[in-house]
């Protein structure tokens, strides 16, 4: 399945718009991850732990988006937008949402 942030797919013609689709993933950060990330913040550098969690959440949201598109009869998703939020008490949860339009392409 082709998933793109653009409104069209070069070399393909959209034959049917199937509808709006969205996928979400909410992951909690645990105490140990927070502790090690805090140390990393103090000494500088990238937090590989949080980067992995962010990638995991993005993968889950996009997979759910594709499943919903297929359920509507689509074989591609155009106009995809990714949004990131922190939620919960003390911002302990990470939410990634992906949305777009399921389409049928030739």
Protein backbone atom coordinates (compact mmCIF):
# COMPACT_ATOMS: atom_id res chain seq x y z
CA UNK A 1 0.00 0.00 0.00
CA UNK A 2 1.29 3.44 -0.92
CA UNK A 3 1.10 5.98 1.91
CA UNK A 4 2.04 9.56 1.11
CA UNK A 5 1.68 13.06 2.49
CA UNK A 6 1.04 14.42 -1.01
CA UNK A 7 -2.49 14.86 -2.42
CA UNK A 8 -1.75 12.63 -5.42
CA UNK A 9 0.63 9.84 -6.42
CA UNK A 10 2.77 10.51 -9.45
CA UNK A 11 2.20 7.92 -12.17
CA UNK A 12 -1.08 6.70 -10.65
CA UNK A 13 -4.63 7.86 -11.21
CA UNK A 14 -7.03 7.98 -8.28
CA UNK A 15 -10.20 6.22 -9.39
CA UNK A 16 -12.16 6.40 -6.13
CA UNK A 17 -11.99 8.25 -2.82
CA UNK A 18 -12.91 5.74 -0.12
CA UNK A 19 -13.01 8.05 2.89
CA UNK A 20 -11.11 9.54 5.78
CA UNK A 21 -8.95 7.18 7.83
CA UNK A 22 -6.97 7.64 11.03
CA UNK A 23 -4.71 5.60 13.23
CA UNK A 24 -3.54 6.37 16.74
CA UNK A 25 -1.00 5.01 19.17
CA UNK A 26 -0.60 6.02 22.79
CA UNK A 27 2.45 4.74 24.61
CA UNK A 28 3.46 5.32 28.20
CA UNK A 29 6.99 6.08 29.23
CA UNK A 30 8.08 4.18 32.30
CA UNK A 31 10.12 5.36 35.28
CA UNK A 32 13.43 3.86 34.11
CA UNK A 33 13.16 5.32 30.62
CA UNK A 34 12.38 8.72 32.14
CA UNK A 35 15.31 8.45 34.52
CA UNK A 36 17.83 7.59 31.80
CA UNK A 37 16.38 10.24 29.49
CA UNK A 38 16.79 12.83 32.26
CA UNK A 39 20.45 11.88 32.64
CA UNK A 40 20.89 12.17 28.88
CA UNK A 41 19.28 15.63 29.00
CA UNK A 42 21.81 16.74 31.63
CA UNK A 43 24.89 15.52 29.77
CA UNK A 44 23.58 16.29 26.30
CA UNK A 45 23.00 14.12 23.28
CA UNK A 46 20.08 12.28 21.80
CA UNK A 47 17.77 10.05 23.78
CA UNK A 48 17.79 6.75 21.87
CA UNK A 49 15.17 5.34 24.25
CA UNK A 50 12.62 8.02 23.43
CA UNK A 51 13.51 7.91 19.73
CA UNK A 52 12.73 4.17 19.70
CA UNK A 53 9.42 4.74 21.48
CA UNK A 54 8.52 7.50 19.05
CA UNK A 55 9.32 5.27 16.06
CA UNK A 56 7.28 2.44 17.59
CA UNK A 57 4.26 4.72 18.10
CA UNK A 58 4.56 6.10 14.55
CA UNK A 59 4.74 2.57 13.10
CA UNK A 60 1.64 1.49 15.05
CA UNK A 61 -0.36 4.56 13.96
CA UNK A 62 0.58 4.12 10.29
CA UNK A 63 -0.18 0.38 10.36
CA UNK A 64 -3.63 1.09 11.82
CA UNK A 65 -4.19 3.76 9.16
CA UNK A 66 -3.38 1.25 6.41
CA UNK A 67 -5.65 -1.43 7.92
CA UNK A 68 -8.56 1.00 7.97
CA UNK A 69 -7.87 2.10 4.39
CA UNK A 70 -7.87 -1.52 3.21
CA UNK A 71 -11.14 -2.16 5.08
CA UNK A 72 -12.71 0.68 3.07
CA UNK A 73 -11.47 -0.83 -0.20
CA UNK A 74 -8.49 1.47 -0.67
CA UNK A 75 -5.04 0.50 -1.87
CA UNK A 76 -3.34 3.80 -1.00
CA UNK A 77 -3.61 6.70 1.43
CA UNK A 78 -2.98 10.28 0.35
CA UNK A 79 -2.68 13.53 2.27
CA UNK A 80 -1.26 11.81 5.35
CA UNK A 81 -0.60 14.03 8.35
CA UNK A 82 1.25 12.93 11.48
CA UNK A 83 0.59 14.65 14.80
CA UNK A 84 2.46 14.20 18.08
CA UNK A 85 1.17 15.02 21.56
CA UNK A 86 2.09 14.32 25.16
CA UNK A 87 -0.74 13.37 27.48
CA UNK A 88 -1.47 12.34 31.01
CA UNK A 89 -0.35 13.40 34.42
CA UNK A 90 3.18 14.73 34.18
CA UNK A 91 3.09 14.30 30.39
CA UNK A 92 3.90 10.60 30.84
CA UNK A 93 2.14 9.40 27.69
CA UNK A 94 3.10 9.90 24.06
CA UNK A 95 0.39 9.97 21.39
CA UNK A 96 1.01 9.76 17.66
CA UNK A 97 -1.93 10.12 15.30
CA UNK A 98 -1.89 9.62 11.55
CA UNK A 99 -4.74 10.69 9.30
CA UNK A 100 -5.38 10.81 5.59
CA UNK A 101 -7.73 9.86 2.76
CA UNK A 102 -8.05 6.26 1.64
CA UNK A 103 -8.14 6.01 -2.16
CA UNK A 104 -8.23 3.39 -4.87
CA UNK A 105 -5.54 3.90 -7.49
CA UNK A 106 -4.90 2.19 -10.83
